[in-house]
Amino acid sequence: MESRRDKDIKQRKDLNADTLYSLIRSSFENFEDHRSEKAQIPLADAFMSAFAMFSLKDPSLLVFEARRSDTNLKTIYKVNKVPCDTQMRKILEAVLKLISLFC
């Protein structure tokens, strides 16, 4: 049964997890992909997978890899292709090397 207070609470459309994840995803899609055109995993998917691993508090890439078939990665985080742990390491290490050149 809903209380009167519950009826008065309005969800703000700009302050929720879905909006936050969409903003993060759109920011990741703006990154220029430095890899060849034959890359199997889009850079935005790799970054969103890393963000999902962080926000889900998985202790390692191997634990996160067990989630690869989890539908939440597609529905909540909008990840179409989840990289395996080796692919994630390679992609993120290459990006970190590029970043370190400018810092």
PDB file of N, CA and C in Angstrom:
ATOM      1  N   MET A   1       0.840  -1.180   0.000  1.00  0.00           N
ATOM      2  CA  MET A   1       0.000   0.000   0.000  1.00  0.00           C
ATOM      3  C   MET A   1       0.886   1.245   0.000  1.00  0.00           C
ATOM      4  N   GLU A   2       0.595   2.168  -0.893  1.00  0.00           N
ATOM      5  CA  GLU A   2       1.369   3.397  -0.992  1.00  0.00           C
ATOM      6  C   GLU A   2       0.926   4.396   0.064  1.00  0.00           C
ATOM      7  N   SER A   3       1.895   5.001   0.680  1.00  0.00           N
ATOM      8  CA  SER A   3       1.565   6.062   1.631  1.00  0.00           C
ATOM      9  C   SER A   3       1.424   7.375   0.860  1.00  0.00           C
ATOM     10  N   ARG A   4       0.911   8.352   1.525  1.00  0.00           N
ATOM     11  CA  ARG A   4       0.744   9.658   0.890  1.00  0.00           C
ATOM     12  C   ARG A   4       2.105  10.250   0.525  1.00  0.00           C
ATOM     13  N   ARG A   5       3.093  10.008   1.378  1.00  0.00           N
ATOM     14  CA  ARG A   5       4.433  10.534   1.118  1.00  0.00           C
ATOM     15  C   ARG A   5       5.000   9.930  -0.168  1.00  0.00           C
ATOM     16  N   ASP A   6       4.793   8.615  -0.396  1.00  0.00           N
ATOM     17  CA  ASP A   6       5.267   7.963  -1.611  1.00  0.00           C
ATOM     18  C   ASP A   6       4.634   8.579  -2.856  1.00  0.00           C
ATOM     19  N   LYS A   7       3.399   8.971  -2.766  1.00  0.00           N
ATOM     20  CA  LYS A   7       2.717   9.583  -3.909  1.00  0.00           C
ATOM     21  C   LYS A   7       3.281  10.961  -4.223  1.00  0.00           C
ATOM     22  N   ASP A   8       3.747  11.662  -3.193  1.00  0.00           N
ATOM     23  CA  ASP A   8       4.271  13.012  -3.372  1.00  0.00           C
ATOM     24  C   ASP A   8       5.691  13.032  -3.931  1.00  0.00           C
ATOM     25  N   ILE A   9       6.399  11.919  -3.833  1.00  0.00           N
ATOM     26  CA  ILE A   9       7.774  11.870  -4.316  1.00  0.00           C
ATOM     27  C   ILE A   9       7.756  11.708  -5.830  1.00  0.00           C
ATOM     28  N   LYS A  10       8.399  12.628  -6.501  1.00  0.00           N
ATOM     29  CA  LYS A  10       8.491  12.570  -7.957  1.00  0.00           C
ATOM     30  C   LYS A  10       9.921  12.238  -8.321  1.00  0.00           C
ATOM     31  N   GLN A  11      10.082  11.289  -9.212  1.00  0.00           N
ATOM     32  CA  GLN A  11      11.420  10.939  -9.667  1.00  0.00           C
ATOM     33  C   GLN A  11      11.882  11.994 -10.653  1.00  0.00           C
ATOM     34  N   ARG A  12      13.068  12.519 -10.409  1.00  0.00           N
ATOM     35  CA  ARG A  12      13.615  13.522 -11.316  1.00  0.00           C
ATOM     36  C   ARG A  12      14.263  12.801 -12.476  1.00  0.00           C
ATOM     37  N   LYS A  13      13.902  13.187 -13.670  1.00  0.00           N
ATOM     38  CA  LYS A  13      14.360  12.461 -14.847  1.00  0.00           C
ATOM     39  C   LYS A  13      15.859  12.578 -15.085  1.00  0.00           C
ATOM     40  N   ASP A  14      16.500  13.619 -14.581  1.00  0.00           N
ATOM     41  CA  ASP A  14      17.927  13.811 -14.798  1.00  0.00           C
ATOM     42  C   ASP A  14      18.789  13.285 -13.657  1.00  0.00           C
ATOM     43  N   LEU A  15      18.170  12.793 -12.596  1.00  0.00           N
ATOM     44  CA  LEU A  15      18.929  12.319 -11.441  1.00  0.00           C
ATOM     45  C   LEU A  15      18.596  10.856 -11.149  1.00  0.00           C
ATOM     46  N   ASN A  16      19.066   9.983 -12.008  1.00  0.00           N
ATOM     47  CA  ASN A  16      18.899   8.557 -11.762  1.00  0.00           C
ATOM     48  C   ASN A  16      20.034   7.796 -12.435  1.00  0.00           C
ATOM     49  N   ALA A  17      20.160   6.533 -12.091  1.00  0.00           N
ATOM     50  CA  ALA A  17      21.275   5.725 -12.598  1.00  0.00           C
ATOM     51  C   ALA A  17      21.234   5.583 -14.113  1.00  0.00           C
ATOM     52  N   ASP A  18      20.059   5.397 -14.686  1.00  0.00           N
ATOM     53  CA  ASP A  18      19.963   5.234 -16.139  1.00  0.00           C
ATOM     54  C   ASP A  18      20.511   6.448 -16.887  1.00  0.00           C
ATOM     55  N   THR A  19      20.171   7.631 -16.399  1.00  0.00           N
ATOM     56  CA  THR A  19      20.664   8.854 -17.029  1.00  0.00           C
ATOM     57  C   THR A  19      22.171   8.974 -16.862  1.00  0.00           C
ATOM     58  N   LEU A  20      22.663   8.664 -15.665  1.00  0.00           N
ATOM     59  CA  LEU A  20      24.106   8.713 -15.415  1.00  0.00           C
ATOM     60  C   LEU A  20      24.844   7.750 -16.339  1.00  0.00           C
ATOM     61  N   TYR A  21      24.374   6.519 -16.445  1.00  0.00           N
ATOM     62  CA  TYR A  21      25.028   5.527 -17.298  1.00  0.00           C
ATOM     63  C   TYR A  21      24.964   5.927 -18.769  1.00  0.00           C
ATOM     64  N   SER A  22      23.881   6.540 -19.184  1.00  0.00           N
ATOM     65  CA  SER A  22      23.776   7.010 -20.570  1.00  0.00           C
ATOM     66  C   SER A  22      24.774   8.134 -20.849  1.00  0.00           C
ATOM     67  N   LEU A  23      24.936   9.042 -19.896  1.00  0.00           N
ATOM     68  CA  LEU A  23      25.918  10.125 -20.052  1.00  0.00           C
ATOM     69  C   LEU A  23      27.343   9.573 -20.115  1.00  0.00           C
ATOM     70  N   ILE A  24      27.628   8.607 -19.264  1.00  0.00           N
ATOM     71  CA  ILE A  24      28.958   7.992 -19.279  1.00  0.00           C
ATOM     72  C   ILE A  24      29.185   7.293 -20.607  1.00  0.00           C
ATOM     73  N   ARG A  25      28.184   6.534 -21.066  1.00  0.00           N
ATOM     74  CA  ARG A  25      28.293   5.812 -22.339  1.00  0.00           C
ATOM     75  C   ARG A  25      28.521   6.791 -23.494  1.00  0.00           C
ATOM     76  N   SER A  26      27.765   7.876 -23.535  1.00  0.00           N
ATOM     77  CA  SER A  26      27.921   8.831 -24.640  1.00  0.00           C
ATOM     78  C   SER A  26      29.299   9.493 -24.595  1.00  0.00           C
ATOM     79  N   SER A  27      29.830   9.714 -23.399  1.00  0.00           N
ATOM     80  CA  SER A  27      31.195  10.261 -23.288  1.00  0.00           C
ATOM     81  C   SER A  27      32.216   9.265 -23.821  1.00  0.00           C
ATOM     82  N   PHE A  28      32.049   7.991 -23.480  1.00  0.00           N
ATOM     83  CA  PHE A  28      32.964   6.960 -23.970  1.00  0.00           C
ATOM     84  C   PHE A  28      32.883   6.808 -25.490  1.00  0.00           C
ATOM     85  N   GLU A  29      31.711   7.013 -26.057  1.00  0.00           N
ATOM     86  CA  GLU A  29      31.559   6.897 -27.511  1.00  0.00           C
ATOM     87  C   GLU A  29      32.261   8.033 -28.243  1.00  0.00           C
ATOM     88  N   ASN A  30      32.561   9.116 -27.549  1.00  0.00           N
ATOM     89  CA  ASN A  30      33.271  10.242 -28.166  1.00  0.00           C
ATOM     90  C   ASN A  30      34.775  10.028 -28.247  1.00  0.00           C
ATOM     91  N   PHE A  31      35.300   9.026 -27.532  1.00  0.00           N
ATOM     92  CA  PHE A  31      36.731   8.740 -27.583  1.00  0.00           C
ATOM     93  C   PHE A  31      37.090   8.185 -28.955  1.00  0.00           C
ATOM     94  N   GLU A  32      38.159   8.687 -29.508  1.00  0.00           N
ATOM     95  CA  GLU A  32      38.624   8.173 -30.802  1.00  0.00           C
ATOM     96  C   GLU A  32      39.250   6.797 -30.581  1.00  0.00           C
ATOM     97  N   ASP A  33      38.837   5.836 -31.389  1.00  0.00           N
ATOM     98  CA  ASP A  33      39.364   4.479 -31.270  1.00  0.00           C
ATOM     99  C   ASP A  33      40.699   4.410 -31.994  1.00  0.00           C
ATOM    100  N   HIS A  34      41.753   4.173 -31.262  1.00  0.00           N
ATOM    101  CA  HIS A  34      43.110   4.157 -31.795  1.00  0.00           C
ATOM    102  C   HIS A  34      43.465   2.820 -32.452  1.00  0.00           C
ATOM    103  N   ARG A  35      42.606   1.842 -32.314  1.00  0.00           N
ATOM    104  CA  ARG A  35      42.891   0.502 -32.824  1.00  0.00           C
ATOM    105  C   ARG A  35      42.475   0.391 -34.292  1.00  0.00           C
ATOM    106  N   SER A  36      42.805  -0.739 -34.884  1.00  0.00           N
ATOM    107  CA  SER A  36      42.455  -0.944 -36.287  1.00  0.00           C
ATOM    108  C   SER A  36      40.941  -1.072 -36.436  1.00  0.00           C
ATOM    109  N   GLU A  37      40.478  -0.945 -37.659  1.00  0.00           N
ATOM    110  CA  GLU A  37      39.040  -1.041 -37.928  1.00  0.00           C
ATOM    111  C   GLU A  37      38.514  -2.460 -37.709  1.00  0.00           C
ATOM    112  N   LYS A  38      39.416  -3.421 -37.614  1.00  0.00           N
ATOM    113  CA  LYS A  38      39.015  -4.812 -37.420  1.00  0.00           C
ATOM    114  C   LYS A  38      38.813  -5.177 -35.949  1.00  0.00           C
ATOM    115  N   ALA A  39      38.875  -4.209 -35.071  1.00  0.00           N
ATOM    116  CA  ALA A  39      38.701  -4.474 -33.641  1.00  0.00           C
ATOM    117  C   ALA A  39      37.318  -5.071 -33.397  1.00  0.00           C
ATOM    118  N   GLN A  40      37.286  -6.165 -32.648  1.00  0.00           N
ATOM    119  CA  GLN A  40      36.031  -6.881 -32.418  1.00  0.00           C
ATOM    120  C   GLN A  40      35.172  -6.233 -31.333  1.00  0.00           C
ATOM    121  N   ILE A  41      35.807  -5.637 -30.369  1.00  0.00           N
ATOM    122  CA  ILE A  41      35.090  -5.015 -29.250  1.00  0.00           C
ATOM    123  C   ILE A  41      35.171  -3.503 -29.405  1.00  0.00           C
ATOM    124  N   PRO A  42      34.030  -2.820 -29.542  1.00  0.00           N
ATOM    125  CA  PRO A  42      34.064  -1.358 -29.609  1.00  0.00           C
ATOM    126  C   PRO A  42      34.669  -0.775 -28.330  1.00  0.00           C
ATOM    127  N   LEU A  43      35.397   0.300 -28.472  1.00  0.00           N
ATOM    128  CA  LEU A  43      36.054   0.927 -27.339  1.00  0.00           C
ATOM    129  C   LEU A  43      35.036   1.316 -26.259  1.00  0.00           C
ATOM    130  N   ALA A  44      33.897   1.821 -26.659  1.00  0.00           N
ATOM    131  CA  ALA A  44      32.866   2.211 -25.689  1.00  0.00           C
ATOM    132  C   ALA A  44      32.389   1.004 -24.885  1.00  0.00           C
ATOM    133  N   ASP A  45      32.263  -0.161 -25.521  1.00  0.00           N
ATOM    134  CA  ASP A  45      31.866  -1.372 -24.805  1.00  0.00           C
ATOM    135  C   ASP A  45      32.938  -1.790 -23.801  1.00  0.00           C
ATOM    136  N   ALA A  46      34.204  -1.667 -24.191  1.00  0.00           N
ATOM    137  CA  ALA A  46      35.288  -2.020 -23.272  1.00  0.00           C
ATOM    138  C   ALA A  46      35.297  -1.080 -22.069  1.00  0.00           C
ATOM    139  N   PHE A  47      35.127   0.218 -22.322  1.00  0.00           N
ATOM    140  CA  PHE A  47      35.111   1.186 -21.220  1.00  0.00           C
ATOM    141  C   PHE A  47      33.892   0.981 -20.319  1.00  0.00           C
ATOM    142  N   MET A  48      32.739   0.734 -20.921  1.00  0.00           N
ATOM    143  CA  MET A  48      31.536   0.496 -20.111  1.00  0.00           C
ATOM    144  C   MET A  48      31.669  -0.795 -19.317  1.00  0.00           C
ATOM    145  N   SER A  49      32.326  -1.788 -19.878  1.00  0.00           N
ATOM    146  CA  SER A  49      32.559  -3.035 -19.138  1.00  0.00           C
ATOM    147  C   SER A  49      33.446  -2.766 -17.926  1.00  0.00           C
ATOM    148  N   ALA A  50      34.482  -1.958 -18.122  1.00  0.00           N
ATOM    149  CA  ALA A  50      35.359  -1.602 -16.998  1.00  0.00           C
ATOM    150  C   ALA A  50      34.575  -0.807 -15.944  1.00  0.00           C
ATOM    151  N   PHE A  51      33.732   0.105 -16.402  1.00  0.00           N
ATOM    152  CA  PHE A  51      32.898   0.871 -15.466  1.00  0.00           C
ATOM    153  C   PHE A  51      31.944  -0.058 -14.724  1.00  0.00           C
ATOM    154  N   ALA A  52      31.343  -1.012 -15.437  1.00  0.00           N
ATOM    155  CA  ALA A  52      30.429  -1.967 -14.804  1.00  0.00           C
ATOM    156  C   ALA A  52      31.164  -2.801 -13.756  1.00  0.00           C
ATOM    157  N   MET A  53      32.361  -3.253 -14.102  1.00  0.00           N
ATOM    158  CA  MET A  53      33.147  -4.040 -13.151  1.00  0.00           C
ATOM    159  C   MET A  53      33.416  -3.224 -11.887  1.00  0.00           C
ATOM    160  N   PHE A  54      33.753  -1.956 -12.072  1.00  0.00           N
ATOM    161  CA  PHE A  54      34.012  -1.071 -10.933  1.00  0.00           C
ATOM    162  C   PHE A  54      32.741  -0.850 -10.116  1.00  0.00           C
ATOM    163  N   SER A  55      31.648  -0.539 -10.780  1.00  0.00           N
ATOM    164  CA  SER A  55      30.425  -0.218 -10.036  1.00  0.00           C
ATOM    165  C   SER A  55      29.776  -1.453  -9.412  1.00  0.00           C
ATOM    166  N   LEU A  56      30.017  -2.626  -9.995  1.00  0.00           N
ATOM    167  CA  LEU A  56      29.508  -3.867  -9.410  1.00  0.00           C
ATOM    168  C   LEU A  56      30.441  -4.419  -8.336  1.00  0.00           C
ATOM    169  N   LYS A  57      31.600  -3.773  -8.196  1.00  0.00           N
ATOM    170  CA  LYS A  57      32.585  -4.106  -7.171  1.00  0.00           C
ATOM    171  C   LYS A  57      33.137  -5.522  -7.301  1.00  0.00           C
ATOM    172  N   ASP A  58      33.337  -5.947  -8.546  1.00  0.00           N
ATOM    173  CA  ASP A  58      33.980  -7.242  -8.759  1.00  0.00           C
ATOM    174  C   ASP A  58      35.451  -7.118  -8.389  1.00  0.00           C
ATOM    175  N   PRO A  59      35.985  -8.073  -7.633  1.00  0.00           N
ATOM    176  CA  PRO A  59      37.363  -7.952  -7.156  1.00  0.00           C
ATOM    177  C   PRO A  59      38.438  -8.194  -8.222  1.00  0.00           C
ATOM    178  N   SER A  60      38.062  -8.797  -9.348  1.00  0.00           N
ATOM    179  CA  SER A  60      39.061  -9.071 -10.388  1.00  0.00           C
ATOM    180  C   SER A  60      38.391  -9.186 -11.748  1.00  0.00           C
ATOM    181  N   LEU A  61      39.228  -9.144 -12.782  1.00  0.00           N
ATOM    182  CA  LEU A  61      38.713  -9.325 -14.136  1.00  0.00           C
ATOM    183  C   LEU A  61      38.143 -10.729 -14.332  1.00  0.00           C
ATOM    184  N   LEU A  62      38.726 -11.715 -13.684  1.00  0.00           N
ATOM    185  CA  LEU A  62      38.223 -13.084 -13.815  1.00  0.00           C
ATOM    186  C   LEU A  62      36.837 -13.237 -13.208  1.00  0.00           C
ATOM    187  N   VAL A  63      36.606 -12.584 -12.089  1.00  0.00           N
ATOM    188  CA  VAL A  63      35.270 -12.625 -11.482  1.00  0.00           C
ATOM    189  C   VAL A  63      34.276 -11.915 -12.400  1.00  0.00           C
ATOM    190  N   PHE A  64      34.699 -10.784 -12.950  1.00  0.00           N
ATOM    191  CA  PHE A  64      33.824 -10.056 -13.870  1.00  0.00           C
ATOM    192  C   PHE A  64      33.530 -10.882 -15.124  1.00  0.00           C
ATOM    193  N   GLU A  65      34.524 -11.630 -15.591  1.00  0.00           N
ATOM    194  CA  GLU A  65      34.323 -12.435 -16.796  1.00  0.00           C
ATOM    195  C   GLU A  65      33.201 -13.458 -16.613  1.00  0.00           C
ATOM    196  N   ALA A  66      32.999 -13.916 -15.385  1.00  0.00           N
ATOM    197  CA  ALA A  66      31.902 -14.845 -15.119  1.00  0.00           C
ATOM    198  C   ALA A  66      30.541 -14.190 -15.371  1.00  0.00           C
ATOM    199  N   ARG A  67      30.504 -12.863 -15.385  1.00  0.00           N
ATOM    200  CA  ARG A  67      29.258 -12.121 -15.644  1.00  0.00           C
ATOM    201  C   ARG A  67      29.002 -11.872 -17.126  1.00  0.00           C
ATOM    202  N   ARG A  68      29.874 -12.314 -17.984  1.00  0.00           N
ATOM    203  CA  ARG A  68      29.770 -11.955 -19.408  1.00  0.00           C
ATOM    204  C   ARG A  68      28.395 -12.253 -19.998  1.00  0.00           C
ATOM    205  N   SER A  69      27.741 -13.270 -19.504  1.00  0.00           N
ATOM    206  CA  SER A  69      26.413 -13.599 -20.042  1.00  0.00           C
ATOM    207  C   SER A  69      25.282 -12.959 -19.235  1.00  0.00           C
ATOM    208  N   ASP A  70      25.620 -12.143 -18.256  1.00  0.00           N
ATOM    209  CA  ASP A  70      24.632 -11.478 -17.416  1.00  0.00           C
ATOM    210  C   ASP A  70      23.859 -10.449 -18.244  1.00  0.00           C
ATOM    211  N   THR A  71      22.545 -10.556 -18.247  1.00  0.00           N
ATOM    212  CA  THR A  71      21.728  -9.639 -19.052  1.00  0.00           C
ATOM    213  C   THR A  71      21.784  -8.204 -18.535  1.00  0.00           C
ATOM    214  N   ASN A  72      22.152  -8.012 -17.258  1.00  0.00           N
ATOM    215  CA  ASN A  72      22.250  -6.656 -16.717  1.00  0.00           C
ATOM    216  C   ASN A  72      23.309  -5.836 -17.437  1.00  0.00           C
ATOM    217  N   LEU A  73      24.358  -6.480 -17.920  1.00  0.00           N
ATOM    218  CA  LEU A  73      25.384  -5.739 -18.648  1.00  0.00           C
ATOM    219  C   LEU A  73      24.810  -5.132 -19.917  1.00  0.00           C
ATOM    220  N   LYS A  74      23.874  -5.811 -20.524  1.00  0.00           N
ATOM    221  CA  LYS A  74      23.246  -5.287 -21.744  1.00  0.00           C
ATOM    222  C   LYS A  74      22.132  -4.307 -21.420  1.00  0.00           C
ATOM    223  N   THR A  75      21.316  -4.628 -20.439  1.00  0.00           N
ATOM    224  CA  THR A  75      20.155  -3.785 -20.175  1.00  0.00           C
ATOM    225  C   THR A  75      20.494  -2.532 -19.369  1.00  0.00           C
ATOM    226  N   ILE A  76      21.328  -2.660 -18.356  1.00  0.00           N
ATOM    227  CA  ILE A  76      21.638  -1.513 -17.504  1.00  0.00           C
ATOM    228  C   ILE A  76      22.819  -0.705 -18.047  1.00  0.00           C
ATOM    229  N   TYR A  77      23.892  -1.408 -18.418  1.00  0.00           N
ATOM    230  CA  TYR A  77      25.117  -0.724 -18.841  1.00  0.00           C
ATOM    231  C   TYR A  77      25.221  -0.555 -20.358  1.00  0.00           C
ATOM    232  N   LYS A  78      24.295  -1.136 -21.097  1.00  0.00           N
ATOM    233  CA  LYS A  78      24.239  -1.020 -22.570  1.00  0.00           C
ATOM    234  C   LYS A  78      25.514  -1.528 -23.248  1.00  0.00           C
ATOM    235  N   VAL A  79      26.075  -2.616 -22.718  1.00  0.00           N
ATOM    236  CA  VAL A  79      27.264  -3.234 -23.297  1.00  0.00           C
ATOM    237  C   VAL A  79      26.805  -4.317 -24.259  1.00  0.00           C
ATOM    238  N   ASN A  80      27.137  -4.168 -25.533  1.00  0.00           N
ATOM    239  CA  ASN A  80      26.733  -5.156 -26.528  1.00  0.00           C
ATOM    240  C   ASN A  80      27.707  -6.326 -26.614  1.00  0.00           C
ATOM    241  N   LYS A  81      29.002  -6.013 -26.570  1.00  0.00           N
ATOM    242  CA  LYS A  81      30.032  -7.053 -26.621  1.00  0.00           C
ATOM    243  C   LYS A  81      30.943  -6.888 -25.414  1.00  0.00           C
ATOM    244  N   VAL A  82      30.873  -7.849 -24.508  1.00  0.00           N
ATOM    245  CA  VAL A  82      31.678  -7.806 -23.295  1.00  0.00           C
ATOM    246  C   VAL A  82      33.027  -8.453 -23.591  1.00  0.00           C
ATOM    247  N   PRO A  83      34.128  -7.735 -23.374  1.00  0.00           N
ATOM    248  CA  PRO A  83      35.442  -8.329 -23.634  1.00  0.00           C
ATOM    249  C   PRO A  83      35.805  -9.360 -22.568  1.00  0.00           C
ATOM    250  N   CYS A  84      36.588 -10.364 -22.970  1.00  0.00           N
ATOM    251  CA  CYS A  84      37.112 -11.305 -21.982  1.00  0.00           C
ATOM    252  C   CYS A  84      38.200 -10.578 -21.194  1.00  0.00           C
ATOM    253  N   ASP A  85      38.713 -11.208 -20.152  1.00  0.00           N
ATOM    254  CA  ASP A  85      39.681 -10.523 -19.293  1.00  0.00           C
ATOM    255  C   ASP A  85      40.948 -10.132 -20.056  1.00  0.00           C
ATOM    256  N   THR A  86      41.407 -10.990 -20.973  1.00  0.00           N
ATOM    257  CA  THR A  86      42.614 -10.675 -21.744  1.00  0.00           C
ATOM    258  C   THR A  86      42.376  -9.481 -22.674  1.00  0.00           C
ATOM    259  N   GLN A  87      41.237  -9.466 -23.354  1.00  0.00           N
ATOM    260  CA  GLN A  87      40.915  -8.344 -24.239  1.00  0.00           C
ATOM    261  C   GLN A  87      40.801  -7.045 -23.449  1.00  0.00           C
ATOM    262  N   MET A  88      40.158  -7.116 -22.289  1.00  0.00           N
ATOM    263  CA  MET A  88      39.984  -5.917 -21.458  1.00  0.00           C
ATOM    264  C   MET A  88      41.350  -5.380 -21.034  1.00  0.00           C
ATOM    265  N   ARG A  89      42.236  -6.254 -20.605  1.00  0.00           N
ATOM    266  CA  ARG A  89      43.580  -5.821 -20.204  1.00  0.00           C
ATOM    267  C   ARG A  89      44.302  -5.134 -21.351  1.00  0.00           C
ATOM    268  N   LYS A  90      44.281  -5.767 -22.522  1.00  0.00           N
ATOM    269  CA  LYS A  90      44.985  -5.205 -23.686  1.00  0.00           C
ATOM    270  C   LYS A  90      44.436  -3.838 -24.068  1.00  0.00           C
ATOM    271  N   ILE A  91      43.133  -3.724 -24.115  1.00  0.00           N
ATOM    272  CA  ILE A  91      42.504  -2.458 -24.509  1.00  0.00           C
ATOM    273  C   ILE A  91      42.828  -1.366 -23.497  1.00  0.00           C
ATOM    274  N   LEU A  92      42.631  -1.661 -22.215  1.00  0.00           N
ATOM    275  CA  LEU A  92      42.846  -0.640 -21.186  1.00  0.00           C
ATOM    276  C   LEU A  92      44.317  -0.277 -21.031  1.00  0.00           C
ATOM    277  N   GLU A  93      45.217  -1.252 -21.163  1.00  0.00           N
ATOM    278  CA  GLU A  93      46.649  -0.947 -21.071  1.00  0.00           C
ATOM    279  C   GLU A  93      47.089  -0.038 -22.216  1.00  0.00           C
ATOM    280  N   ALA A  94      46.584  -0.288 -23.408  1.00  0.00           N
ATOM    281  CA  ALA A  94      46.933   0.559 -24.558  1.00  0.00           C
ATOM    282  C   ALA A  94      46.441   1.986 -24.345  1.00  0.00           C
ATOM    283  N   VAL A  95      45.238   2.129 -23.815  1.00  0.00           N
ATOM    284  CA  VAL A  95      44.688   3.458 -23.555  1.00  0.00           C
ATOM    285  C   VAL A  95      45.484   4.161 -22.462  1.00  0.00           C
ATOM    286  N   LEU A  96      45.849   3.429 -21.429  1.00  0.00           N
ATOM    287  CA  LEU A  96      46.637   4.031 -20.349  1.00  0.00           C
ATOM    288  C   LEU A  96      48.013   4.483 -20.850  1.00  0.00           C
ATOM    289  N   LYS A  97      48.597   3.757 -21.764  1.00  0.00           N
ATOM    290  CA  LYS A  97      49.882   4.169 -22.352  1.00  0.00           C
ATOM    291  C   LYS A  97      49.717   5.477 -23.116  1.00  0.00           C
ATOM    292  N   LEU A  98      48.622   5.592 -23.864  1.00  0.00           N
ATOM    293  CA  LEU A  98      48.369   6.833 -24.592  1.00  0.00           C
ATOM    294  C   LEU A  98      48.172   8.009 -23.635  1.00  0.00           C
ATOM    295  N   ILE A  99      47.428   7.772 -22.575  1.00  0.00           N
ATOM    296  CA  ILE A  99      47.168   8.835 -21.596  1.00  0.00           C
ATOM    297  C   ILE A  99      48.469   9.264 -20.933  1.00  0.00           C
ATOM    298  N   SER A 100      49.324   8.286 -20.604  1.00  0.00           N
ATOM    299  CA  SER A 100      50.571   8.613 -19.907  1.00  0.00           C
ATOM    300  C   SER A 100      51.498   9.481 -20.770  1.00  0.00           C
ATOM    301  N   LEU A 101      51.340   9.414 -22.076  1.00  0.00           N
ATOM    302  CA  LEU A 101      52.157  10.276 -22.949  1.00  0.00           C
ATOM    303  C   LEU A 101      51.830  11.757 -22.774  1.00  0.00           C
ATOM    304  N   PHE A 102      50.598  12.042 -22.371  1.00  0.00           N
ATOM    305  CA  PHE A 102      50.143  13.426 -22.258  1.00  0.00           C
ATOM    306  C   PHE A 102      50.135  13.945 -20.824  1.00  0.00           C
ATOM    307  N   CYS A 103      50.464  13.103 -19.890  1.00  0.00           N
ATOM    308  CA  CYS A 103      50.443  13.536 -18.471  1.00  0.00           C
ATOM    309  C   CYS A 103      51.832  13.774 -17.941  1.00  0.00           C
TER     310      CYS A 103
END
